[in-house]
């Protein structure tokens, strides 16, 4: 069974007949990201007003922790590949510690926060060092 829908009673995501809460923290974060992207795309195409921006914090980081250690890399890579190939729905800002290395990020504007002396930015605000 391959289904995904929003439950009528809880207005939360259900995948293959299971509530989101039966999954681990990492998989729930991943599902929330997919749901937000679907809403961004739907509103961009069908809505009277489109948000045109989405900010997501660590959509794949939690997939590497605890119960979700066996998460296939294809999920992580697939999410970033989708983002790279669907940039027309608005600006998507992803804050992530480790991004999948096997992709071409040439069409993405990337800012690396290094908190050090190597190339990149120390922090969110330019020029602030501590």
C-alpha atoms as a PDB file:
ATOM      1  CA  UNK A   1       0.000   0.000   0.000  1.00  0.00           C
ATOM      2  CA  UNK A   2       1.455   3.382  -1.011  1.00  0.00           C
ATOM      3  CA  UNK A   3      -0.760   6.132   0.370  1.00  0.00           C
ATOM      4  CA  UNK A   4      -0.292   9.457   2.074  1.00  0.00           C
ATOM      5  CA  UNK A   5      -3.030  11.743   3.298  1.00  0.00           C
ATOM      6  CA  UNK A   6      -3.974  14.232   5.995  1.00  0.00           C
ATOM      7  CA  UNK A   7      -6.210  12.664   8.653  1.00  0.00           C
ATOM      8  CA  UNK A   8      -9.701  14.118   9.022  1.00  0.00           C
ATOM      9  CA  UNK A   9      -9.669  13.964  12.831  1.00  0.00           C
ATOM     10  CA  UNK A  10      -6.114  15.016  13.649  1.00  0.00           C
ATOM     11  CA  UNK A  11      -5.174  17.032  10.520  1.00  0.00           C
ATOM     12  CA  UNK A  12      -1.791  15.289  10.585  1.00  0.00           C
ATOM     13  CA  UNK A  13       0.049  13.243   7.996  1.00  0.00           C
ATOM     14  CA  UNK A  14      -0.673   9.517   7.635  1.00  0.00           C
ATOM     15  CA  UNK A  15       1.577   7.308   5.484  1.00  0.00           C
ATOM     16  CA  UNK A  16       0.554   3.810   4.432  1.00  0.00           C
ATOM     17  CA  UNK A  17      -2.243   3.796   7.005  1.00  0.00           C
ATOM     18  CA  UNK A  18       0.030   4.708   9.933  1.00  0.00           C
ATOM     19  CA  UNK A  19      -0.047   7.852  12.029  1.00  0.00           C
ATOM     20  CA  UNK A  20       3.079   9.959  11.901  1.00  0.00           C
ATOM     21  CA  UNK A  21       3.651   9.559  15.625  1.00  0.00           C
ATOM     22  CA  UNK A  22       4.406   5.819  15.335  1.00  0.00           C
ATOM     23  CA  UNK A  23       7.699   6.689  13.628  1.00  0.00           C
ATOM     24  CA  UNK A  24      10.940   7.933  15.164  1.00  0.00           C
ATOM     25  CA  UNK A  25      11.883  11.592  15.563  1.00  0.00           C
ATOM     26  CA  UNK A  26      14.032  11.628  12.422  1.00  0.00           C
ATOM     27  CA  UNK A  27      11.385  10.129  10.183  1.00  0.00           C
ATOM     28  CA  UNK A  28       8.756  12.527  11.573  1.00  0.00           C
ATOM     29  CA  UNK A  29      11.052  15.492  10.797  1.00  0.00           C
ATOM     30  CA  UNK A  30      11.510  14.130   7.286  1.00  0.00           C
ATOM     31  CA  UNK A  31       7.727  13.711   6.866  1.00  0.00           C
ATOM     32  CA  UNK A  32       7.094  17.246   8.136  1.00  0.00           C
ATOM     33  CA  UNK A  33       9.539  18.579   5.537  1.00  0.00           C
ATOM     34  CA  UNK A  34       7.820  16.650   2.738  1.00  0.00           C
ATOM     35  CA  UNK A  35       4.421  17.937   3.897  1.00  0.00           C
ATOM     36  CA  UNK A  36       5.666  21.542   3.988  1.00  0.00           C
ATOM     37  CA  UNK A  37       7.138  21.180   0.485  1.00  0.00           C
ATOM     38  CA  UNK A  38       3.854  19.734  -0.792  1.00  0.00           C
ATOM     39  CA  UNK A  39       1.943  22.686   0.679  1.00  0.00           C
ATOM     40  CA  UNK A  40       4.425  25.157  -0.834  1.00  0.00           C
ATOM     41  CA  UNK A  41       4.011  23.514  -4.243  1.00  0.00           C
ATOM     42  CA  UNK A  42       0.208  23.291  -3.967  1.00  0.00           C
ATOM     43  CA  UNK A  43      -0.186  26.911  -2.882  1.00  0.00           C
ATOM     44  CA  UNK A  44       2.219  28.039  -5.601  1.00  0.00           C
ATOM     45  CA  UNK A  45       0.102  26.330  -8.256  1.00  0.00           C
ATOM     46  CA  UNK A  46      -3.433  26.579  -6.851  1.00  0.00           C
ATOM     47  CA  UNK A  47      -3.531  29.160  -4.078  1.00  0.00           C
ATOM     48  CA  UNK A  48      -4.668  32.722  -4.328  1.00  0.00           C
ATOM     49  CA  UNK A  49      -1.638  33.665  -2.239  1.00  0.00           C
ATOM     50  CA  UNK A  50       1.619  31.749  -2.274  1.00  0.00           C
ATOM     51  CA  UNK A  51       4.090  31.968   0.608  1.00  0.00           C
ATOM     52  CA  UNK A  52       6.999  31.755  -1.926  1.00  0.00           C
ATOM     53  CA  UNK A  53       9.427  30.867   0.885  1.00  0.00           C
ATOM     54  CA  UNK A  54      10.042  27.907   3.142  1.00  0.00           C
ATOM     55  CA  UNK A  55      12.669  27.589   5.873  1.00  0.00           C
ATOM     56  CA  UNK A  56      13.473  24.088   7.131  1.00  0.00           C
ATOM     57  CA  UNK A  57      15.805  23.292  10.018  1.00  0.00           C
ATOM     58  CA  UNK A  58      17.672  19.960   9.922  1.00  0.00           C
ATOM     59  CA  UNK A  59      15.324  17.819   7.821  1.00  0.00           C
ATOM     60  CA  UNK A  60      17.795  14.898   7.644  1.00  0.00           C
ATOM     61  CA  UNK A  61      20.042  15.331  10.698  1.00  0.00           C
ATOM     62  CA  UNK A  62      17.756  13.358  13.011  1.00  0.00           C
ATOM     63  CA  UNK A  63      17.656  10.465  10.552  1.00  0.00           C
ATOM     64  CA  UNK A  64      21.172   9.593  11.736  1.00  0.00           C
ATOM     65  CA  UNK A  65      20.280   9.319  15.415  1.00  0.00           C
ATOM     66  CA  UNK A  66      18.791   6.552  17.554  1.00  0.00           C
ATOM     67  CA  UNK A  67      16.286   4.149  16.015  1.00  0.00           C
ATOM     68  CA  UNK A  68      16.544   5.680  12.563  1.00  0.00           C
ATOM     69  CA  UNK A  69      20.242   4.720  12.109  1.00  0.00           C
ATOM     70  CA  UNK A  70      19.313   2.334   9.308  1.00  0.00           C
ATOM     71  CA  UNK A  71      17.695   5.047   7.215  1.00  0.00           C
ATOM     72  CA  UNK A  72      18.807   4.618   3.615  1.00  0.00           C
ATOM     73  CA  UNK A  73      20.983   7.366   2.187  1.00  0.00           C
ATOM     74  CA  UNK A  74      18.576   7.439  -0.762  1.00  0.00           C
ATOM     75  CA  UNK A  75      16.014   9.241   1.431  1.00  0.00           C
ATOM     76  CA  UNK A  76      18.515  11.939   2.345  1.00  0.00           C
ATOM     77  CA  UNK A  77      19.878  12.298  -1.172  1.00  0.00           C
ATOM     78  CA  UNK A  78      16.385  12.128  -2.672  1.00  0.00           C
ATOM     79  CA  UNK A  79      15.152  15.067  -0.613  1.00  0.00           C
ATOM     80  CA  UNK A  80      18.030  17.302  -1.649  1.00  0.00           C
ATOM     81  CA  UNK A  81      17.812  16.140  -5.267  1.00  0.00           C
ATOM     82  CA  UNK A  82      14.115  17.036  -5.284  1.00  0.00           C
ATOM     83  CA  UNK A  83      14.900  20.487  -3.871  1.00  0.00           C
ATOM     84  CA  UNK A  84      17.580  21.094  -6.497  1.00  0.00           C
ATOM     85  CA  UNK A  85      15.242  20.042  -9.320  1.00  0.00           C
ATOM     86  CA  UNK A  86      12.138  21.953  -8.126  1.00  0.00           C
ATOM     87  CA  UNK A  87      13.279  25.502  -7.469  1.00  0.00           C
ATOM     88  CA  UNK A  88      10.399  27.237  -9.240  1.00  0.00           C
ATOM     89  CA  UNK A  89       7.930  27.124  -6.322  1.00  0.00           C
ATOM     90  CA  UNK A  90       9.757  29.658  -4.200  1.00  0.00           C
ATOM     91  CA  UNK A  91      12.839  30.102  -2.104  1.00  0.00           C
ATOM     92  CA  UNK A  92      13.667  27.179   0.167  1.00  0.00           C
ATOM     93  CA  UNK A  93      16.232  27.732   2.895  1.00  0.00           C
ATOM     94  CA  UNK A  94      17.635  24.550   4.420  1.00  0.00           C
ATOM     95  CA  UNK A  95      19.683  24.649   7.600  1.00  0.00           C
ATOM     96  CA  UNK A  96      21.553  21.356   7.820  1.00  0.00           C
ATOM     97  CA  UNK A  97      24.794  20.126   9.384  1.00  0.00           C
ATOM     98  CA  UNK A  98      25.693  17.541   6.735  1.00  0.00           C
ATOM     99  CA  UNK A  99      24.337  17.615   3.220  1.00  0.00           C
ATOM    100  CA  UNK A 100      24.485  14.635   0.836  1.00  0.00           C
ATOM    101  CA  UNK A 101      27.818  14.967  -1.003  1.00  0.00           C
ATOM    102  CA  UNK A 102      26.933  13.153  -4.259  1.00  0.00           C
ATOM    103  CA  UNK A 103      24.823  15.949  -5.743  1.00  0.00           C
ATOM    104  CA  UNK A 104      25.564  18.939  -7.962  1.00  0.00           C
ATOM    105  CA  UNK A 105      24.785  22.048  -5.912  1.00  0.00           C
ATOM    106  CA  UNK A 106      25.877  24.395  -8.728  1.00  0.00           C
ATOM    107  CA  UNK A 107      22.388  25.948  -9.114  1.00  0.00           C
ATOM    108  CA  UNK A 108      21.899  26.464  -5.376  1.00  0.00           C
ATOM    109  CA  UNK A 109      23.100  29.461  -3.401  1.00  0.00           C
ATOM    110  CA  UNK A 110      24.964  27.892  -0.501  1.00  0.00           C
ATOM    111  CA  UNK A 111      26.398  29.602   2.549  1.00  0.00           C
ATOM    112  CA  UNK A 112      28.657  27.576   4.804  1.00  0.00           C
ATOM    113  CA  UNK A 113      28.772  28.585   8.438  1.00  0.00           C
ATOM    114  CA  UNK A 114      32.227  27.614   9.663  1.00  0.00           C
ATOM    115  CA  UNK A 115      32.497  29.355  13.042  1.00  0.00           C
ATOM    116  CA  UNK A 116      36.196  29.498  12.301  1.00  0.00           C
ATOM    117  CA  UNK A 117      38.903  30.974  10.111  1.00  0.00           C
ATOM    118  CA  UNK A 118      38.396  28.785   7.032  1.00  0.00           C
ATOM    119  CA  UNK A 119      36.303  30.124   4.120  1.00  0.00           C
ATOM    120  CA  UNK A 120      32.641  30.586   4.937  1.00  0.00           C
ATOM    121  CA  UNK A 121      30.816  32.673   7.506  1.00  0.00           C
ATOM    122  CA  UNK A 122      31.294  32.592  11.240  1.00  0.00           C
ATOM    123  CA  UNK A 123      27.588  32.973  11.974  1.00  0.00           C
ATOM    124  CA  UNK A 124      24.239  34.173  10.716  1.00  0.00           C
ATOM    125  CA  UNK A 125      25.019  37.892  10.961  1.00  0.00           C
ATOM    126  CA  UNK A 126      27.930  39.045   8.755  1.00  0.00           C
ATOM    127  CA  UNK A 127      30.843  40.511  10.685  1.00  0.00           C
ATOM    128  CA  UNK A 128      29.795  39.153  14.102  1.00  0.00           C
ATOM    129  CA  UNK A 129      32.561  36.931  15.527  1.00  0.00           C
ATOM    130  CA  UNK A 130      31.120  35.776  18.851  1.00  0.00           C
END
